[in-house]
């Protein structure tokens, strides 16, 4: 696991090779990057997810593979913030300068309406959720833009899930909050 502060990691080669121009624009100097090896940068909200992205880059994956691997790892490490039950939208910047938005916004089930779901049910419980899009969005981005196979990209997240990890103080508090809501929900009995 990284020994860097929680939240982000930048490889030293990438840090050295970033040139800030007078206009404030950040560029990676291609010549220096080639001299020092490839620059790599991964940033996430959880160190193990950052490590997952770096692992994939170092295994020969491209930036899309690394982003998806980091996102799968976040699904394991931060399920309440970046979990499988959420929605994922990605802003993709291609090497040729094009930018694409991958719209993974969620929608409510077809039968859901104000008439079928009461006011309290709209605020909490299983009836307040939408159809999750994170798994489909991550899979689509990796298949469309990635260079590695699905199993390789999922491997870090699977390893984290199987080996376990230390939860944060916030996650501990969240687990205590959820216990209260599960006892109130008809689905939690």
Protein backbone atom coordinates (compact mmCIF):
# COMPACT_ATOMS: atom_id res chain seq x y z
CA UNK A 1 0.00 0.00 0.00
CA UNK A 2 1.13 3.56 -0.68
CA UNK A 3 2.75 5.49 2.11
CA UNK A 4 1.66 8.80 0.57
CA UNK A 5 -1.04 10.95 2.15
CA UNK A 6 -4.59 9.72 1.64
CA UNK A 7 -6.16 11.11 -1.49
CA UNK A 8 -3.52 11.24 -4.18
CA UNK A 9 -0.27 10.02 -5.60
CA UNK A 10 1.82 11.46 -8.39
CA UNK A 11 4.82 9.51 -9.60
CA UNK A 12 8.06 11.47 -9.22
CA UNK A 13 8.71 11.30 -12.99
CA UNK A 14 5.37 12.94 -13.71
CA UNK A 15 5.99 15.57 -11.04
CA UNK A 16 9.39 16.46 -12.53
CA UNK A 17 8.06 16.61 -16.08
CA UNK A 18 5.18 19.01 -15.54
CA UNK A 19 5.96 22.47 -16.83
CA UNK A 20 3.72 25.34 -15.80
CA UNK A 21 3.57 27.92 -18.55
CA UNK A 22 3.16 31.66 -17.92
CA UNK A 23 -0.51 31.39 -18.90
CA UNK A 24 -1.12 28.85 -16.14
CA UNK A 25 -1.54 25.86 -18.48
CA UNK A 26 0.02 22.56 -17.30
CA UNK A 27 1.82 20.47 -19.91
CA UNK A 28 3.91 17.34 -19.65
CA UNK A 29 7.14 17.97 -21.53
CA UNK A 30 7.18 15.03 -23.94
CA UNK A 31 10.96 15.10 -24.47
CA UNK A 32 11.72 14.96 -20.74
CA UNK A 33 9.08 12.27 -20.20
CA UNK A 34 10.77 10.15 -22.86
CA UNK A 35 14.18 10.73 -21.26
CA UNK A 36 12.98 9.68 -17.80
CA UNK A 37 10.50 7.01 -18.83
CA UNK A 38 6.76 7.30 -19.05
CA UNK A 39 5.06 9.73 -16.70
CA UNK A 40 2.20 8.25 -14.68
CA UNK A 41 -0.36 9.91 -12.47
CA UNK A 42 -3.31 8.43 -10.62
CA UNK A 43 -5.49 10.17 -8.08
CA UNK A 44 -8.32 8.75 -5.98
CA UNK A 45 -9.92 9.21 -2.59
CA UNK A 46 -8.45 5.98 -1.18
CA UNK A 47 -4.78 4.84 -1.25
CA UNK A 48 -5.52 1.25 -2.29
CA UNK A 49 -7.54 2.51 -5.27
CA UNK A 50 -4.67 4.79 -6.26
CA UNK A 51 -2.34 1.80 -6.03
CA UNK A 52 -4.72 -0.21 -8.25
CA UNK A 53 -4.53 2.41 -11.00
CA UNK A 54 -0.74 2.60 -10.77
CA UNK A 55 -0.48 -1.20 -10.84
CA UNK A 56 -2.45 -1.31 -14.09
CA UNK A 57 -0.34 1.43 -15.70
CA UNK A 58 2.84 -0.40 -14.73
CA UNK A 59 1.41 -3.65 -16.16
CA UNK A 60 1.09 -1.98 -19.56
CA UNK A 61 -2.48 -0.74 -19.36
CA UNK A 62 -3.48 2.63 -20.73
CA UNK A 63 -5.05 5.54 -18.85
CA UNK A 64 -8.56 4.14 -19.39
CA UNK A 65 -7.59 0.76 -17.93
CA UNK A 66 -6.03 2.53 -14.93
CA UNK A 67 -9.05 4.78 -14.36
CA UNK A 68 -11.44 1.84 -14.52
CA UNK A 69 -9.24 -0.30 -12.23
CA UNK A 70 -9.09 2.55 -9.71
CA UNK A 71 -12.87 2.97 -9.92
CA UNK A 72 -13.48 -0.77 -9.35
CA UNK A 73 -11.14 -0.59 -6.34
CA UNK A 74 -13.09 2.41 -5.01
CA UNK A 75 -16.27 0.31 -5.30
CA UNK A 76 -14.64 -2.05 -2.78
CA UNK A 77 -12.90 0.51 -0.54
CA UNK A 78 -15.56 3.24 -0.49
CA UNK A 79 -18.89 1.56 -1.20
CA UNK A 80 -20.94 4.39 0.29
CA UNK A 81 -19.30 7.03 -1.90
CA UNK A 82 -18.20 5.17 -5.03
CA UNK A 83 -20.03 1.87 -4.83
CA UNK A 84 -21.50 -0.55 -7.31
CA UNK A 85 -24.98 0.79 -6.59
CA UNK A 86 -24.17 4.28 -7.84
CA UNK A 87 -23.96 6.10 -11.09
CA UNK A 88 -20.81 6.89 -13.02
CA UNK A 89 -20.19 9.67 -15.51
CA UNK A 90 -16.78 9.93 -17.16
CA UNK A 91 -15.13 12.79 -19.00
CA UNK A 92 -12.75 11.19 -21.50
CA UNK A 93 -9.98 13.24 -23.12
CA UNK A 94 -8.44 11.44 -26.11
CA UNK A 95 -4.84 11.78 -27.28
CA UNK A 96 -6.06 13.43 -30.50
CA UNK A 97 -7.63 16.27 -28.51
CA UNK A 98 -11.26 15.11 -28.64
CA UNK A 99 -13.26 15.07 -25.42
CA UNK A 100 -16.16 12.68 -24.87
CA UNK A 101 -18.66 12.41 -22.02
CA UNK A 102 -19.74 8.89 -21.10
CA UNK A 103 -23.18 9.45 -19.59
CA UNK A 104 -23.87 6.85 -16.94
CA UNK A 105 -26.60 8.79 -15.13
CA UNK A 106 -29.13 6.62 -13.37
CA UNK A 107 -32.84 6.59 -13.84
CA UNK A 108 -35.70 5.32 -11.73
CA UNK A 109 -37.36 1.98 -12.51
CA UNK A 110 -40.21 2.20 -15.05
CA UNK A 111 -42.94 1.53 -12.48
CA UNK A 112 -41.67 4.19 -10.05
CA UNK A 113 -43.75 7.34 -9.71
CA UNK A 114 -44.90 9.82 -7.09
CA UNK A 115 -48.11 7.81 -6.85
CA UNK A 116 -46.36 4.48 -6.20
CA UNK A 117 -43.63 5.68 -3.81
CA UNK A 118 -44.60 7.63 -0.71
CA UNK A 119 -42.81 10.78 0.49
CA UNK A 120 -40.85 8.99 3.25
CA UNK A 121 -39.89 6.16 0.88
CA UNK A 122 -38.43 8.75 -1.53
CA UNK A 123 -35.93 9.86 1.12
CA UNK A 124 -34.53 6.55 2.37
CA UNK A 125 -34.77 2.82 1.90
CA UNK A 126 -34.59 0.56 -1.11
CA UNK A 127 -37.43 2.36 -2.92
CA UNK A 128 -35.51 5.66 -2.90
CA UNK A 129 -32.73 4.38 -5.16
CA UNK A 130 -32.30 4.46 -8.91
CA UNK A 131 -31.03 1.79 -11.28
CA UNK A 132 -27.25 1.61 -10.72
CA UNK A 133 -25.05 2.30 -13.75
CA UNK A 134 -21.52 2.06 -12.34
CA UNK A 135 -20.81 -1.56 -13.37
CA UNK A 136 -22.14 -1.08 -16.91
CA UNK A 137 -20.36 2.25 -17.39
CA UNK A 138 -17.00 0.99 -16.13
CA UNK A 139 -17.26 -2.16 -18.26
CA UNK A 140 -18.21 -0.17 -21.38
CA UNK A 141 -15.36 2.34 -20.97
CA UNK A 142 -12.82 -0.43 -20.44
CA UNK A 143 -14.04 -2.49 -23.43
CA UNK A 144 -14.24 0.58 -25.69
CA UNK A 145 -11.05 2.44 -24.77
CA UNK A 146 -8.94 0.06 -22.68
CA UNK A 147 -6.08 -2.11 -23.88
CA UNK A 148 -6.11 -4.88 -21.25
CA UNK A 149 -8.65 -7.65 -20.70
CA UNK A 150 -11.42 -7.32 -18.11
CA UNK A 151 -9.89 -9.85 -15.70
CA UNK A 152 -6.59 -7.94 -15.54
CA UNK A 153 -8.36 -4.66 -14.85
CA UNK A 154 -10.59 -6.20 -12.17
CA UNK A 155 -7.74 -8.10 -10.47
CA UNK A 156 -6.66 -5.34 -8.03
CA UNK A 157 -10.25 -4.79 -6.80
CA UNK A 158 -10.82 -8.52 -6.42
CA UNK A 159 -7.58 -8.85 -4.44
CA UNK A 160 -8.55 -5.94 -2.15
CA UNK A 161 -11.98 -7.50 -1.55
CA UNK A 162 -10.52 -10.94 -0.81
CA UNK A 163 -7.67 -9.74 1.41
CA UNK A 164 -9.66 -7.02 3.17
CA UNK A 165 -8.47 -3.57 4.19
CA UNK A 166 -8.56 -1.28 7.20
CA UNK A 167 -11.62 0.94 7.19
CA UNK A 168 -11.42 4.64 7.95
CA UNK A 169 -12.96 6.38 10.95
CA UNK A 170 -15.66 7.76 8.64
CA UNK A 171 -16.51 4.29 7.37
CA UNK A 172 -16.76 3.06 10.95
CA UNK A 173 -19.24 5.86 11.77
CA UNK A 174 -21.20 5.14 8.58
CA UNK A 175 -21.50 1.47 9.51
CA UNK A 176 -23.01 2.48 12.86
CA UNK A 177 -25.50 4.80 11.09
CA UNK A 178 -26.57 2.07 8.66
CA UNK A 179 -27.36 -0.36 11.48
CA UNK A 180 -30.00 2.09 12.73
CA UNK A 181 -31.62 2.44 9.30
CA UNK A 182 -31.59 -1.29 8.60
CA UNK A 183 -33.59 -1.89 11.76
CA UNK A 184 -36.27 0.57 10.60
CA UNK A 185 -36.53 -0.66 6.98
CA UNK A 186 -38.91 -3.46 6.07
CA UNK A 187 -36.12 -4.83 3.82
CA UNK A 188 -33.71 -4.95 6.79
CA UNK A 189 -35.77 -7.37 8.89
